[in-house]
Amino acid sequence: METGQKAPIGRPRGFDAEEALERAMRVFWEQGYEGASLTDLTGAMGITRTSMYAAFGNKEELFRKALERYTEGPASYGVRAMREPTARQVAVAFLDGSVRATTSPGCPTGCLGVQGSLAAGDPGRSARDTLAAWRDEHTTHLGDRFRRAVDEGDLPADADPDLLARYLMTVGNGIAVQASGGATREVLQRVADMALLNWPPVTGPDRTGPDRTAPDRAGD
């Protein structure tokens, strides 16, 4: 005859998984993949290692989930930028978003997607590959958007959409690195504005091209 009770099936975790993931994202953002120890992560998340493994998997899987959250949150400016009506406005919104996201008060400086595993050794190889693929995916999306701009006559016919996308991503990555080194938002905004001075002028019927000395920012 059984005298004890079985543990309930589907017992709740007892913590807010979304909040825990948000905190893990910030640890990875500030310390990078290899710099973030399990003790750092579980301490910030307020859970035990057992709970972390049960809810999120191992450190590598937790990092991927944190990167997804970062993409949908602080880095969502990239998706929003591509909805702008002109290629130039896409570029302005993308770089402005990069400046704001990497210098946001109350958040780590720099970019999780850029610095998360730049200096990772063999233990961080998977995270490094994940971030390289993440950056390449964003570059591809920008290239597709600029290809559409060429087809619509919004960019010159001889413009190279892929090169423009790589140019923007390179400037954005540089902004992130500079932000992590202490560069101010004001300085980085000036860098972004200067980078756009090289943006291809719009030519064609009824198109006079934007004022290249004053990027038409969508709003702060």
C-alpha atoms as a PDB file:
ATOM      1  CA  MET A   1       0.000   0.000   0.000  1.00  0.00           C
ATOM      2  CA  GLU A   2       1.380   3.380  -0.965  1.00  0.00           C
ATOM      3  CA  THR A   3       1.596   5.921   1.808  1.00  0.00           C
ATOM      4  CA  GLY A   4       3.470   8.753   0.000  1.00  0.00           C
ATOM      5  CA  GLN A   5       2.274  11.113  -2.675  1.00  0.00           C
ATOM      6  CA  LYS A   6       3.786  11.384  -6.108  1.00  0.00           C
ATOM      7  CA  ALA A   7       5.238  14.699  -7.214  1.00  0.00           C
ATOM      8  CA  PRO A   8       2.726  16.605  -9.335  1.00  0.00           C
ATOM      9  CA  ILE A   9       3.251  16.361 -13.072  1.00  0.00           C
ATOM     10  CA  GLY A  10       3.789  19.644 -14.895  1.00  0.00           C
ATOM     11  CA  ARG A  11       4.777  21.470 -11.746  1.00  0.00           C
ATOM     12  CA  PRO A  12       5.339  25.182 -12.450  1.00  0.00           C
ATOM     13  CA  ARG A  13       8.918  26.379 -12.524  1.00  0.00           C
ATOM     14  CA  GLY A  14       8.374  28.944  -9.807  1.00  0.00           C
ATOM     15  CA  PHE A  15      10.079  31.817 -11.668  1.00  0.00           C
ATOM     16  CA  ASP A  16       9.336  34.175 -14.523  1.00  0.00           C
ATOM     17  CA  ALA A  17      11.098  32.631 -17.513  1.00  0.00           C
ATOM     18  CA  GLU A  18      10.806  35.792 -19.615  1.00  0.00           C
ATOM     19  CA  GLU A  19      12.352  37.946 -16.907  1.00  0.00           C
ATOM     20  CA  ALA A  20      15.109  35.378 -16.364  1.00  0.00           C
ATOM     21  CA  LEU A  21      15.884  35.352 -20.090  1.00  0.00           C
ATOM     22  CA  GLU A  22      15.949  39.165 -20.156  1.00  0.00           C
ATOM     23  CA  ARG A  23      18.536  39.144 -17.380  1.00  0.00           C
ATOM     24  CA  ALA A  24      20.611  36.471 -19.102  1.00  0.00           C
ATOM     25  CA  MET A  25      20.553  38.542 -22.300  1.00  0.00           C
ATOM     26  CA  ARG A  26      21.990  41.509 -20.427  1.00  0.00           C
ATOM     27  CA  VAL A  27      24.769  39.386 -18.929  1.00  0.00           C
ATOM     28  CA  PHE A  28      25.772  38.083 -22.363  1.00  0.00           C
ATOM     29  CA  TRP A  29      25.478  41.608 -23.776  1.00  0.00           C
ATOM     30  CA  GLU A  30      27.795  43.047 -21.156  1.00  0.00           C
ATOM     31  CA  GLN A  31      30.273  40.185 -20.712  1.00  0.00           C
ATOM     32  CA  GLY A  32      30.183  38.248 -23.981  1.00  0.00           C
ATOM     33  CA  TYR A  33      29.650  34.521 -24.364  1.00  0.00           C
ATOM     34  CA  GLU A  34      32.856  33.268 -22.762  1.00  0.00           C
ATOM     35  CA  GLY A  35      32.989  36.067 -20.202  1.00  0.00           C
ATOM     36  CA  ALA A  36      29.564  35.111 -18.846  1.00  0.00           C
ATOM     37  CA  SER A  37      30.032  32.228 -16.421  1.00  0.00           C
ATOM     38  CA  LEU A  38      27.195  29.968 -15.349  1.00  0.00           C
ATOM     39  CA  THR A  39      27.486  31.522 -11.899  1.00  0.00           C
ATOM     40  CA  ASP A  40      27.073  35.003 -13.427  1.00  0.00           C
ATOM     41  CA  LEU A  41      24.101  33.873 -15.457  1.00  0.00           C
ATOM     42  CA  THR A  42      22.201  31.968 -12.791  1.00  0.00           C
ATOM     43  CA  GLY A  43      22.951  34.674 -10.239  1.00  0.00           C
ATOM     44  CA  ALA A  44      21.471  37.355 -12.485  1.00  0.00           C
ATOM     45  CA  MET A  45      18.533  35.134 -13.412  1.00  0.00           C
ATOM     46  CA  GLY A  46      17.848  34.292  -9.776  1.00  0.00           C
ATOM     47  CA  ILE A  47      17.650  30.534 -10.386  1.00  0.00           C
ATOM     48  CA  THR A  48      19.728  27.423  -9.830  1.00  0.00           C
ATOM     49  CA  ARG A  49      21.743  25.703 -12.533  1.00  0.00           C
ATOM     50  CA  THR A  50      19.267  22.820 -12.452  1.00  0.00           C
ATOM     51  CA  SER A  51      16.406  25.209 -13.160  1.00  0.00           C
ATOM     52  CA  MET A  52      18.397  26.894 -15.914  1.00  0.00           C
ATOM     53  CA  TYR A  53      19.113  23.601 -17.668  1.00  0.00           C
ATOM     54  CA  ALA A  54      15.482  22.516 -17.327  1.00  0.00           C
ATOM     55  CA  ALA A  55      14.066  25.770 -18.686  1.00  0.00           C
ATOM     56  CA  PHE A  56      16.637  26.864 -21.258  1.00  0.00           C
ATOM     57  CA  GLY A  57      19.024  23.985 -21.945  1.00  0.00           C
ATOM     58  CA  ASN A  58      22.789  24.405 -21.699  1.00  0.00           C
ATOM     59  CA  LYS A  59      24.720  27.670 -21.914  1.00  0.00           C
ATOM     60  CA  GLU A  60      24.914  27.514 -25.705  1.00  0.00           C
ATOM     61  CA  GLU A  61      21.151  27.106 -26.035  1.00  0.00           C
ATOM     62  CA  LEU A  62      20.563  29.870 -23.504  1.00  0.00           C
ATOM     63  CA  PHE A  63      22.787  32.158 -25.569  1.00  0.00           C
ATOM     64  CA  ARG A  64      20.762  31.466 -28.722  1.00  0.00           C
ATOM     65  CA  LYS A  65      17.522  32.236 -26.893  1.00  0.00           C
ATOM     66  CA  ALA A  66      19.067  35.423 -25.496  1.00  0.00           C
ATOM     67  CA  LEU A  67      20.156  36.454 -28.999  1.00  0.00           C
ATOM     68  CA  GLU A  68      16.605  35.910 -30.258  1.00  0.00           C
ATOM     69  CA  ARG A  69      15.310  38.144 -27.478  1.00  0.00           C
ATOM     70  CA  TYR A  70      17.931  40.763 -28.322  1.00  0.00           C
ATOM     71  CA  THR A  71      16.919  40.644 -31.990  1.00  0.00           C
ATOM     72  CA  GLU A  72      13.263  41.162 -31.127  1.00  0.00           C
ATOM     73  CA  GLY A  73      14.046  43.882 -28.587  1.00  0.00           C
ATOM     74  CA  PRO A  74      17.094  46.206 -28.626  1.00  0.00           C
ATOM     75  CA  ALA A  75      18.097  45.220 -32.173  1.00  0.00           C
ATOM     76  CA  SER A  76      14.596  45.424 -33.669  1.00  0.00           C
ATOM     77  CA  TYR A  77      15.509  48.793 -35.188  1.00  0.00           C
ATOM     78  CA  GLY A  78      16.960  46.872 -38.154  1.00  0.00           C
ATOM     79  CA  VAL A  79      13.612  45.371 -39.127  1.00  0.00           C
ATOM     80  CA  ARG A  80      11.835  48.689 -38.613  1.00  0.00           C
ATOM     81  CA  ALA A  81      14.404  50.518 -40.741  1.00  0.00           C
ATOM     82  CA  MET A  82      13.706  48.325 -43.756  1.00  0.00           C
ATOM     83  CA  ARG A  83      10.070  49.467 -43.733  1.00  0.00           C
ATOM     84  CA  GLU A  84      11.109  53.038 -44.543  1.00  0.00           C
ATOM     85  CA  PRO A  85       9.886  54.223 -47.973  1.00  0.00           C
ATOM     86  CA  THR A  86      13.278  55.090 -49.511  1.00  0.00           C
ATOM     87  CA  ALA A  87      16.705  53.492 -49.451  1.00  0.00           C
ATOM     88  CA  ARG A  88      18.220  56.597 -47.921  1.00  0.00           C
ATOM     89  CA  GLN A  89      15.644  56.625 -45.147  1.00  0.00           C
ATOM     90  CA  VAL A  90      16.411  52.954 -44.539  1.00  0.00           C
ATOM     91  CA  ALA A  91      20.093  53.842 -44.142  1.00  0.00           C
ATOM     92  CA  VAL A  92      19.350  56.783 -41.849  1.00  0.00           C
ATOM     93  CA  ALA A  93      17.009  54.751 -39.650  1.00  0.00           C
ATOM     94  CA  PHE A  94      19.444  51.822 -39.511  1.00  0.00           C
ATOM     95  CA  LEU A  95      22.422  53.892 -38.375  1.00  0.00           C
ATOM     96  CA  ASP A  96      20.356  56.039 -36.017  1.00  0.00           C
ATOM     97  CA  GLY A  97      18.956  52.850 -34.495  1.00  0.00           C
ATOM     98  CA  SER A  98      22.454  51.466 -34.101  1.00  0.00           C
ATOM     99  CA  VAL A  99      23.575  54.598 -32.285  1.00  0.00           C
ATOM    100  CA  ARG A 100      20.584  54.588 -29.938  1.00  0.00           C
ATOM    101  CA  ALA A 101      20.699  50.850 -29.195  1.00  0.00           C
ATOM    102  CA  THR A 102      24.411  50.820 -28.397  1.00  0.00           C
ATOM    103  CA  THR A 103      24.273  53.885 -26.133  1.00  0.00           C
ATOM    104  CA  SER A 104      20.911  53.374 -24.452  1.00  0.00           C
ATOM    105  CA  PRO A 105      20.838  54.528 -20.795  1.00  0.00           C
ATOM    106  CA  GLY A 106      20.385  51.649 -18.384  1.00  0.00           C
ATOM    107  CA  CYS A 107      21.646  49.053 -20.876  1.00  0.00           C
ATOM    108  CA  PRO A 108      25.126  47.678 -21.589  1.00  0.00           C
ATOM    109  CA  THR A 109      27.004  49.653 -24.225  1.00  0.00           C
ATOM    110  CA  GLY A 110      27.850  48.163 -27.582  1.00  0.00           C
ATOM    111  CA  CYS A 111      26.001  45.361 -29.370  1.00  0.00           C
ATOM    112  CA  LEU A 112      25.468  41.773 -28.257  1.00  0.00           C
ATOM    113  CA  GLY A 113      25.430  40.660 -31.885  1.00  0.00           C
ATOM    114  CA  VAL A 114      28.823  42.221 -32.611  1.00  0.00           C
ATOM    115  CA  GLN A 115      30.835  41.750 -29.435  1.00  0.00           C
ATOM    116  CA  GLY A 116      29.231  38.659 -27.953  1.00  0.00           C
ATOM    117  CA  SER A 117      32.004  36.319 -29.053  1.00  0.00           C
ATOM    118  CA  LEU A 118      34.552  38.257 -31.106  1.00  0.00           C
ATOM    119  CA  ALA A 119      37.379  37.079 -28.874  1.00  0.00           C
ATOM    120  CA  ALA A 120      35.985  33.613 -28.122  1.00  0.00           C
ATOM    121  CA  GLY A 121      38.285  30.597 -28.220  1.00  0.00           C
ATOM    122  CA  ASP A 122      37.348  27.009 -29.047  1.00  0.00           C
ATOM    123  CA  PRO A 123      34.716  26.740 -26.262  1.00  0.00           C
ATOM    124  CA  GLY A 124      32.908  29.694 -27.786  1.00  0.00           C
ATOM    125  CA  ARG A 125      33.219  28.622 -31.415  1.00  0.00           C
ATOM    126  CA  SER A 126      29.533  27.746 -31.738  1.00  0.00           C
ATOM    127  CA  ALA A 127      28.472  31.123 -30.334  1.00  0.00           C
ATOM    128  CA  ARG A 128      30.919  32.888 -32.646  1.00  0.00           C
ATOM    129  CA  ASP A 129      29.492  31.035 -35.654  1.00  0.00           C
ATOM    130  CA  THR A 130      25.945  31.820 -34.514  1.00  0.00           C
ATOM    131  CA  LEU A 131      26.717  35.545 -34.365  1.00  0.00           C
ATOM    132  CA  ALA A 132      28.518  35.533 -37.723  1.00  0.00           C
ATOM    133  CA  ALA A 133      25.432  33.947 -39.287  1.00  0.00           C
ATOM    134  CA  TRP A 134      23.231  36.487 -37.460  1.00  0.00           C
ATOM    135  CA  ARG A 135      25.185  39.426 -38.908  1.00  0.00           C
ATOM    136  CA  ASP A 136      25.231  37.868 -42.387  1.00  0.00           C
ATOM    137  CA  GLU A 137      21.465  37.377 -42.283  1.00  0.00           C
ATOM    138  CA  HIS A 138      20.897  41.042 -41.462  1.00  0.00           C
ATOM    139  CA  THR A 139      23.278  42.078 -44.249  1.00  0.00           C
ATOM    140  CA  THR A 140      21.374  39.882 -46.713  1.00  0.00           C
ATOM    141  CA  HIS A 141      18.056  41.480 -45.734  1.00  0.00           C
ATOM    142  CA  LEU A 142      19.512  44.946 -46.285  1.00  0.00           C
ATOM    143  CA  GLY A 143      20.879  43.880 -49.658  1.00  0.00           C
ATOM    144  CA  ASP A 144      17.453  42.594 -50.695  1.00  0.00           C
ATOM    145  CA  ARG A 145      15.858  45.877 -49.646  1.00  0.00           C
ATOM    146  CA  PHE A 146      18.375  47.907 -51.674  1.00  0.00           C
ATOM    147  CA  ARG A 147      17.913  45.631 -54.685  1.00  0.00           C
ATOM    148  CA  ARG A 148      14.252  46.553 -54.580  1.00  0.00           C
ATOM    149  CA  ALA A 149      15.256  50.215 -54.395  1.00  0.00           C
ATOM    150  CA  VAL A 150      17.317  49.827 -57.580  1.00  0.00           C
ATOM    151  CA  ASP A 151      14.364  48.168 -59.349  1.00  0.00           C
ATOM    152  CA  GLU A 152      12.087  51.020 -58.238  1.00  0.00           C
ATOM    153  CA  GLY A 153      14.522  53.709 -59.402  1.00  0.00           C
ATOM    154  CA  ASP A 154      15.097  54.872 -55.835  1.00  0.00           C
ATOM    155  CA  LEU A 155      18.799  54.014 -56.204  1.00  0.00           C
ATOM    156  CA  PRO A 156      20.936  54.508 -59.331  1.00  0.00           C
ATOM    157  CA  ALA A 157      20.888  51.588 -61.750  1.00  0.00           C
ATOM    158  CA  ASP A 158      24.624  51.077 -61.256  1.00  0.00           C
ATOM    159  CA  ALA A 159      24.388  50.952 -57.436  1.00  0.00           C
ATOM    160  CA  ASP A 160      25.646  47.740 -55.820  1.00  0.00           C
ATOM    161  CA  PRO A 161      22.940  46.678 -53.303  1.00  0.00           C
ATOM    162  CA  ASP A 162      25.109  44.084 -51.582  1.00  0.00           C
ATOM    163  CA  LEU A 163      28.025  46.473 -51.201  1.00  0.00           C
ATOM    164  CA  LEU A 164      25.744  49.181 -49.806  1.00  0.00           C
ATOM    165  CA  ALA A 165      24.367  46.664 -47.315  1.00  0.00           C
ATOM    166  CA  ARG A 166      27.876  45.626 -46.289  1.00  0.00           C
ATOM    167  CA  TYR A 167      28.866  49.281 -45.980  1.00  0.00           C
ATOM    168  CA  LEU A 168      25.971  50.051 -43.635  1.00  0.00           C
ATOM    169  CA  MET A 169      26.576  46.927 -41.557  1.00  0.00           C
ATOM    170  CA  THR A 170      30.292  47.725 -41.270  1.00  0.00           C
ATOM    171  CA  VAL A 171      29.561  51.268 -40.076  1.00  0.00           C
ATOM    172  CA  GLY A 172      26.935  49.943 -37.660  1.00  0.00           C
ATOM    173  CA  ASN A 173      29.360  47.372 -36.267  1.00  0.00           C
ATOM    174  CA  GLY A 174      32.008  50.053 -35.866  1.00  0.00           C
ATOM    175  CA  ILE A 175      29.549  52.235 -33.985  1.00  0.00           C
ATOM    176  CA  ALA A 176      28.913  49.345 -31.599  1.00  0.00           C
ATOM    177  CA  VAL A 177      32.612  48.807 -30.942  1.00  0.00           C
ATOM    178  CA  GLN A 178      33.176  52.523 -30.384  1.00  0.00           C
ATOM    179  CA  ALA A 179      30.192  52.685 -28.017  1.00  0.00           C
ATOM    180  CA  SER A 180      31.606  49.843 -25.927  1.00  0.00           C
ATOM    181  CA  GLY A 181      34.824  51.838 -25.686  1.00  0.00           C
ATOM    182  CA  GLY A 182      33.035  54.844 -24.231  1.00  0.00           C
ATOM    183  CA  ALA A 183      32.188  56.984 -27.273  1.00  0.00           C
ATOM    184  CA  THR A 184      29.163  59.166 -26.570  1.00  0.00           C
ATOM    185  CA  ARG A 185      25.863  59.120 -28.416  1.00  0.00           C
ATOM    186  CA  GLU A 186      26.500  62.625 -29.745  1.00  0.00           C
ATOM    187  CA  VAL A 187      29.858  61.673 -31.229  1.00  0.00           C
ATOM    188  CA  LEU A 188      28.522  58.456 -32.750  1.00  0.00           C
ATOM    189  CA  GLN A 189      25.550  60.270 -34.261  1.00  0.00           C
ATOM    190  CA  ARG A 190      27.970  62.597 -35.998  1.00  0.00           C
ATOM    191  CA  VAL A 191      29.852  59.557 -37.305  1.00  0.00           C
ATOM    192  CA  ALA A 192      26.604  58.103 -38.646  1.00  0.00           C
ATOM    193  CA  ASP A 193      25.737  61.385 -40.350  1.00  0.00           C
ATOM    194  CA  MET A 194      29.183  61.565 -41.925  1.00  0.00           C
ATOM    195  CA  ALA A 195      28.895  58.009 -43.216  1.00  0.00           C
ATOM    196  CA  LEU A 196      25.703  58.956 -45.035  1.00  0.00           C
ATOM    197  CA  LEU A 197      27.441  61.744 -46.937  1.00  0.00           C
ATOM    198  CA  ASN A 198      28.665  58.983 -49.265  1.00  0.00           C
ATOM    199  CA  TRP A 199      25.167  57.634 -49.919  1.00  0.00           C
ATOM    200  CA  PRO A 200      24.360  57.452 -53.652  1.00  0.00           C
ATOM    201  CA  PRO A 201      22.289  60.429 -54.834  1.00  0.00           C
ATOM    202  CA  VAL A 202      18.907  59.655 -56.294  1.00  0.00           C
ATOM    203  CA  THR A 203      18.709  60.514 -59.989  1.00  0.00           C
ATOM    204  CA  GLY A 204      16.058  60.223 -62.622  1.00  0.00           C
ATOM    205  CA  PRO A 205      12.801  61.905 -63.681  1.00  0.00           C
ATOM    206  CA  ASP A 206      11.326  64.154 -60.998  1.00  0.00           C
ATOM    207  CA  ARG A 207      14.096  63.243 -58.556  1.00  0.00           C
ATOM    208  CA  THR A 208      16.479  65.913 -57.387  1.00  0.00           C
ATOM    209  CA  GLY A 209      18.192  63.881 -54.686  1.00  0.00           C
ATOM    210  CA  PRO A 210      18.342  64.593 -50.943  1.00  0.00           C
ATOM    211  CA  ASP A 211      20.458  67.215 -49.258  1.00  0.00           C
ATOM    212  CA  ARG A 212      23.634  65.232 -48.632  1.00  0.00           C
ATOM    213  CA  THR A 213      24.776  67.584 -45.907  1.00  0.00           C
ATOM    214  CA  ALA A 214      21.755  66.994 -43.687  1.00  0.00           C
ATOM    215  CA  PRO A 215      20.472  63.399 -43.513  1.00  0.00           C
ATOM    216  CA  ASP A 216      16.675  63.352 -43.322  1.00  0.00           C
ATOM    217  CA  ARG A 217      16.317  61.534 -40.021  1.00  0.00           C
ATOM    218  CA  ALA A 218      12.989  59.839 -39.460  1.00  0.00           C
ATOM    219  CA  GLY A 219      12.811  61.012 -35.858  1.00  0.00           C
ATOM    220  CA  ASP A 220      14.501  60.491 -32.511  1.00  0.00           C
END
